[in-house]
Amino acid sequence: MICPLLCGAAGGLHSPAMTEMLRVGSVPYLVGRPLDYGLENDPEVRFSKEVPARLVEGLREGRLDVALVSSIELFRMPGYSYLPGLCVGGRGVVSSVQVFLRRPLDEVESVAMDPASRTSQALVQILLADRPDGPPEYLFPALGEDHRKLASSAWLSIGDRALRDFHAGGTQVFNPSDAWTRTTGLPFVFAAWIVRPGVDIAPHRARLERAHERGRAAIGQLAGQAARTWNLPAKVCEDYLGRECVYRLGPEMDEALKLFGERAGALGLTHPEAIPEPVQA
């Protein structure tokens, strides 16, 4: 049973230590394992996995205390904080977030958005906002709908399916993470540990740090499992987890998030009063 003290954010900070368990959500993708490894076995954690859009709902509805979730959510509801340093990021190509092209990028008239990730949707809109001929039309299917089957000249896909489809070849792609880094000189933060308003996560910060340490040590094992499951070369999975994805950032994380929020805000994609702050040590 969930302690009723955590069901609302009003009335000051409530430490999850006051409940039976810390309610933690993470993504059901390989990319999250180096950050959440072992949390499912922590007796003081109620751990669940859902697509990013569902994790956002869990935070907003008070079902989750902290979630490894789309970074755009930080700028869509006032009161959030985030754990500095730990994230799912990239400094170039990240194979699990791709825009698959049916025609050259400058000829793309419409993009079908993957409904599972709101951060990647916002990033694509930022990157294509200043095209000489104007941005393309964006199609937003319902969660669970196969956006790849929509009549569009490109489609955005995220997660393990995007990784597999990319390495299967046969389709040209535009990589949003690589484009962001080339144009800004900064890494891109796809997901962060977001803490909902009213929760004091500081006493539990070490628990999430330890999960990352376990995950970092298990990257070779995780890559091997993925290679067998997806019938991909082990080197591909090792490069993805160990080189493409960045799980720890210094002050650049704050700088990258700030710029992302500003550019998303300029397109009307954020809440004007949402100014997230890092959790203080």
Protein backbone atom coordinates (compact mmCIF):
# COMPACT_ATOMS: atom_id res chain seq x y z
CA MET A 1 0.00 0.00 0.00
CA ILE A 2 1.25 3.47 -0.89
CA CYS A 3 1.50 5.93 1.97
CA PRO A 4 -1.12 8.68 1.47
CA LEU A 5 1.45 11.32 2.39
CA LEU A 6 2.97 10.92 -1.05
CA CYS A 7 -0.23 11.28 -3.01
CA GLY A 8 0.08 15.06 -3.30
CA ALA A 9 2.90 17.57 -3.62
CA ALA A 10 1.33 20.24 -1.43
CA GLY A 11 2.37 20.78 2.15
CA GLY A 12 6.14 20.70 1.80
CA LEU A 13 8.65 17.96 1.08
CA HIS A 14 7.83 14.37 1.88
CA SER A 15 10.72 11.93 2.03
CA PRO A 16 10.05 8.54 0.39
CA ALA A 17 11.74 7.12 3.48
CA MET A 18 8.36 7.73 5.16
CA THR A 19 6.78 5.10 2.90
CA GLU A 20 7.39 1.41 2.60
CA MET A 21 9.31 1.85 -0.65
CA LEU A 22 10.82 4.45 -2.94
CA ARG A 23 8.72 4.34 -6.09
CA VAL A 24 11.10 4.37 -9.06
CA GLY A 25 10.25 4.15 -12.75
CA SER A 26 12.55 3.54 -15.68
CA VAL A 27 12.38 2.88 -19.40
CA PRO A 28 11.98 -0.64 -20.84
CA TYR A 29 14.96 -0.15 -23.15
CA LEU A 30 18.54 -1.39 -23.11
CA VAL A 31 19.72 2.21 -22.82
CA GLY A 32 18.38 2.49 -19.28
CA ARG A 33 20.12 -0.53 -17.78
CA PRO A 34 23.46 1.16 -17.04
CA LEU A 35 21.52 3.56 -14.79
CA ASP A 36 18.88 1.35 -13.17
CA TYR A 37 20.76 -1.95 -12.88
CA GLY A 38 19.74 -3.90 -9.82
CA LEU A 39 17.01 -1.54 -8.61
CA GLU A 40 14.47 -4.27 -9.30
CA ASN A 41 16.14 -6.29 -6.52
CA ASP A 42 16.37 -3.47 -3.97
CA PRO A 43 14.02 -4.32 -1.07
CA GLU A 44 13.40 -0.62 -0.42
CA VAL A 45 12.42 0.18 -4.01
CA ARG A 46 9.16 -0.41 -5.82
CA PHE A 47 10.53 -0.57 -9.36
CA SER A 48 8.56 -0.43 -12.60
CA LYS A 49 9.32 -0.09 -16.28
CA GLU A 50 7.17 1.81 -18.76
CA VAL A 51 7.63 3.81 -21.95
CA PRO A 52 8.62 7.45 -21.30
CA ALA A 53 5.13 8.82 -21.92
CA ARG A 54 3.71 6.50 -19.23
CA LEU A 55 6.49 7.44 -16.81
CA VAL A 56 5.51 11.07 -17.22
CA GLU A 57 1.95 10.16 -16.29
CA GLY A 58 3.25 8.32 -13.23
CA LEU A 59 5.12 11.39 -12.02
CA ARG A 60 2.23 13.76 -12.65
CA GLU A 61 -0.31 11.48 -11.01
CA GLY A 62 1.90 10.82 -7.97
CA ARG A 63 2.36 7.12 -8.63
CA LEU A 64 6.14 7.56 -8.95
CA ASP A 65 8.59 9.46 -6.76
CA VAL A 66 11.43 9.54 -9.29
CA ALA A 67 11.72 8.33 -12.87
CA LEU A 68 14.37 8.02 -15.54
CA VAL A 69 12.27 9.91 -18.02
CA SER A 70 12.24 12.26 -20.98
CA SER A 71 14.14 15.45 -20.18
CA ILE A 72 11.52 17.66 -21.85
CA GLU A 73 9.21 16.88 -18.92
CA LEU A 74 11.44 19.05 -16.71
CA PHE A 75 10.14 22.05 -18.65
CA ARG A 76 6.49 21.08 -18.82
CA MET A 77 5.43 21.21 -15.18
CA PRO A 78 6.70 23.57 -12.48
CA GLY A 79 8.35 22.12 -9.40
CA TYR A 80 10.46 19.31 -10.79
CA SER A 81 14.06 18.75 -9.79
CA TYR A 82 16.61 16.39 -11.30
CA LEU A 83 19.61 14.40 -10.17
CA PRO A 84 22.72 16.14 -11.57
CA GLY A 85 25.43 14.09 -13.21
CA LEU A 86 23.44 10.98 -14.13
CA CYS A 87 21.55 10.87 -17.41
CA VAL A 88 21.03 9.15 -20.72
CA GLY A 89 22.90 11.40 -23.10
CA GLY A 90 25.03 11.48 -26.21
CA ARG A 91 27.85 13.47 -27.76
CA GLY A 92 27.18 12.48 -31.33
CA VAL A 93 25.32 9.62 -32.97
CA VAL A 94 23.01 7.68 -30.66
CA SER A 95 21.65 4.78 -32.66
CA SER A 96 18.47 4.30 -30.64
CA VAL A 97 17.01 7.68 -31.68
CA GLN A 98 16.68 8.01 -35.44
CA VAL A 99 14.62 9.81 -38.04
CA PHE A 100 14.19 7.29 -40.86
CA LEU A 101 13.87 8.99 -44.24
CA ARG A 102 11.78 8.01 -47.23
CA ARG A 103 13.34 10.93 -49.13
CA PRO A 104 16.24 13.37 -48.55
CA LEU A 105 15.89 15.43 -45.39
CA ASP A 106 15.47 18.77 -47.17
CA GLU A 107 12.57 17.25 -49.13
CA VAL A 108 10.77 15.80 -46.12
CA GLU A 109 7.24 17.19 -45.92
CA SER A 110 5.97 15.25 -42.91
CA VAL A 111 7.41 13.34 -39.96
CA ALA A 112 5.46 10.70 -38.06
CA MET A 113 6.50 10.99 -34.43
CA ASP A 114 7.14 8.01 -32.18
CA PRO A 115 4.49 8.47 -29.47
CA ALA A 116 6.72 6.84 -26.83
CA SER A 117 9.16 9.75 -26.38
CA ARG A 118 8.37 13.41 -25.94
CA THR A 119 12.00 14.57 -25.67
CA SER A 120 12.94 13.19 -29.08
CA GLN A 121 9.83 14.75 -30.55
CA ALA A 122 10.84 18.15 -29.19
CA LEU A 123 14.44 17.75 -30.34
CA VAL A 124 13.39 17.00 -33.92
CA GLN A 125 11.10 20.05 -33.94
CA ILE A 126 13.95 22.25 -32.67
CA LEU A 127 16.42 20.96 -35.25
CA LEU A 128 14.04 21.32 -38.20
CA ALA A 129 12.49 24.63 -37.16
CA ASP A 130 14.84 26.78 -39.26
CA ARG A 131 14.78 24.90 -42.54
CA PRO A 132 14.81 27.32 -45.50
CA ASP A 133 11.42 26.06 -46.65
CA GLY A 134 9.99 25.92 -43.16
CA PRO A 135 9.47 22.97 -40.83
CA PRO A 136 7.71 19.81 -41.98
CA GLU A 137 4.27 18.76 -40.83
CA TYR A 138 4.35 16.59 -37.69
CA LEU A 139 2.01 13.66 -37.18
CA PHE A 140 1.36 12.59 -33.58
CA PRO A 141 -0.26 9.15 -33.41
CA ALA A 142 -1.74 7.70 -30.24
CA LEU A 143 0.45 5.67 -27.90
CA GLY A 144 0.52 2.10 -29.19
CA GLU A 145 -0.20 3.06 -32.80
CA ASP A 146 2.45 2.02 -35.33
CA HIS A 147 3.62 5.41 -36.54
CA ARG A 148 5.82 3.80 -39.19
CA LYS A 149 2.70 2.90 -41.18
CA LEU A 150 1.43 6.46 -41.44
CA ALA A 151 1.62 8.24 -44.79
CA SER A 152 4.67 10.40 -44.08
CA SER A 153 7.98 11.10 -45.76
CA ALA A 154 9.94 10.31 -42.56
CA TRP A 155 9.35 8.81 -39.14
CA LEU A 156 11.01 9.19 -35.77
CA SER A 157 11.70 6.01 -33.81
CA ILE A 158 13.32 5.51 -30.43
CA GLY A 159 14.48 2.66 -28.23
CA ASP A 160 15.53 -0.87 -29.00
CA ARG A 161 13.43 -1.09 -32.16
CA ALA A 162 15.14 1.98 -33.62
CA LEU A 163 18.54 0.49 -32.80
CA ARG A 164 17.69 -2.77 -34.55
CA ASP A 165 16.11 -1.07 -37.57
CA PHE A 166 19.09 1.25 -37.97
CA HIS A 167 21.60 -1.59 -38.01
CA ALA A 168 19.41 -3.62 -40.35
CA GLY A 169 20.21 -0.95 -42.96
CA GLY A 170 18.33 -0.15 -46.13
CA THR A 171 16.94 3.22 -45.01
CA GLN A 172 18.64 6.60 -44.85
CA VAL A 173 18.53 8.33 -41.48
CA PHE A 174 18.92 11.70 -39.80
CA ASN A 175 20.39 11.40 -36.32
CA PRO A 176 19.05 14.13 -33.97
CA SER A 177 21.67 13.69 -31.25
CA ASP A 178 24.52 14.09 -33.71
CA ALA A 179 22.90 17.16 -35.26
CA TRP A 180 22.41 18.77 -31.83
CA THR A 181 26.05 18.29 -30.82
CA ARG A 182 27.38 19.53 -34.16
CA THR A 183 25.30 22.72 -33.98
CA THR A 184 25.63 23.50 -30.24
CA GLY A 185 28.92 21.88 -29.19
CA LEU A 186 27.07 20.35 -26.23
CA PRO A 187 25.94 16.83 -25.37
CA PHE A 188 22.25 16.11 -25.55
CA VAL A 189 20.38 14.85 -22.49
CA PHE A 190 17.61 12.50 -23.55
CA ALA A 191 16.58 11.39 -20.08
CA ALA A 192 17.35 12.26 -16.49
CA TRP A 193 16.30 11.09 -13.05
CA ILE A 194 13.37 13.48 -12.58
CA VAL A 195 11.98 13.96 -9.08
CA ARG A 196 8.36 14.98 -8.75
CA PRO A 197 7.42 18.02 -6.67
CA GLY A 198 7.14 17.36 -2.95
CA VAL A 199 9.64 14.51 -2.78
CA ASP A 200 12.98 14.77 -0.97
CA ILE A 201 15.23 12.44 -2.96
CA ALA A 202 18.50 13.49 -1.31
CA PRO A 203 18.51 10.65 1.25
CA HIS A 204 18.17 8.16 -1.62
CA ARG A 205 20.67 9.66 -4.02
CA ALA A 206 23.35 7.10 -3.12
CA ARG A 207 20.96 4.29 -4.08
CA LEU A 208 20.72 5.61 -7.64
CA GLU A 209 24.47 6.22 -7.80
CA ARG A 210 25.09 2.60 -6.80
CA ALA A 211 22.71 1.38 -9.50
CA HIS A 212 24.81 3.22 -12.08
CA GLU A 213 28.02 1.72 -10.73
CA ARG A 214 26.52 -1.76 -11.05
CA GLY A 215 25.25 -0.99 -14.54
CA ARG A 216 28.57 0.39 -15.71
CA ALA A 217 30.30 -2.78 -14.53
CA ALA A 218 27.72 -4.93 -16.36
CA ILE A 219 27.88 -3.23 -19.78
CA GLY A 220 29.73 -6.15 -21.36
CA GLN A 221 27.17 -8.61 -20.03
CA LEU A 222 24.24 -6.44 -21.10
CA ALA A 223 25.70 -6.01 -24.59
CA GLY A 224 26.15 -9.77 -24.93
CA GLN A 225 22.55 -10.44 -23.96
CA ALA A 226 21.30 -7.83 -26.40
CA ALA A 227 23.42 -9.18 -29.23
CA ARG A 228 21.94 -12.65 -28.77
CA THR A 229 18.37 -11.36 -28.46
CA TRP A 230 18.54 -9.06 -31.48
CA ASN A 231 20.92 -11.10 -33.60
CA LEU A 232 23.32 -8.17 -33.82
CA PRO A 233 27.13 -8.27 -33.55
CA ALA A 234 28.30 -7.95 -29.95
CA LYS A 235 30.57 -5.08 -31.01
CA VAL A 236 27.54 -3.07 -32.15
CA CYS A 237 25.85 -3.41 -28.76
CA GLU A 238 29.08 -2.73 -26.87
CA ASP A 239 29.71 0.44 -28.88
CA TYR A 240 26.14 1.58 -28.30
CA LEU A 241 26.23 1.15 -24.53
CA GLY A 242 29.89 1.93 -23.95
CA ARG A 243 30.64 4.70 -26.45
CA GLU A 244 27.53 6.25 -28.02
CA CYS A 245 25.57 6.62 -24.80
CA VAL A 246 26.90 8.92 -22.09
CA TYR A 247 25.65 8.22 -18.57
CA ARG A 248 27.59 10.71 -16.49
CA LEU A 249 28.07 14.40 -17.25
CA GLY A 250 29.53 17.30 -15.30
CA PRO A 251 28.38 20.93 -15.52
CA GLU A 252 27.67 20.39 -19.24
CA MET A 253 24.52 18.53 -18.23
CA ASP A 254 23.03 21.66 -16.67
CA GLU A 255 24.15 23.79 -19.61
CA ALA A 256 22.71 21.39 -22.19
CA LEU A 257 19.39 21.12 -20.36
CA LYS A 258 19.12 24.90 -20.06
CA LEU A 259 19.68 25.42 -23.79
CA PHE A 260 17.25 22.64 -24.67
CA GLY A 261 14.60 24.22 -22.46
CA GLU A 262 15.16 27.65 -24.00
CA ARG A 263 14.89 26.37 -27.57
CA ALA A 264 11.88 24.22 -26.83
CA GLY A 265 10.28 27.20 -25.10
CA ALA A 266 10.80 29.37 -28.17
CA LEU A 267 8.60 26.90 -30.06
CA GLY A 268 5.92 26.90 -27.40
CA LEU A 269 6.75 23.37 -26.26
CA THR A 270 7.24 24.13 -22.54
CA HIS A 271 5.51 25.67 -19.53
CA PRO A 272 6.76 29.24 -18.96
CA GLU A 273 7.00 28.73 -15.19
CA ALA A 274 8.85 25.40 -15.32
CA ILE A 275 12.42 26.15 -14.25
CA PRO A 276 13.92 22.88 -12.94
CA GLU A 277 16.74 22.84 -10.43
CA PRO A 278 19.35 20.14 -9.76
CA VAL A 279 19.06 18.26 -6.49
CA GLN A 280 21.53 19.76 -4.05
CA ALA A 281 24.08 17.45 -2.44
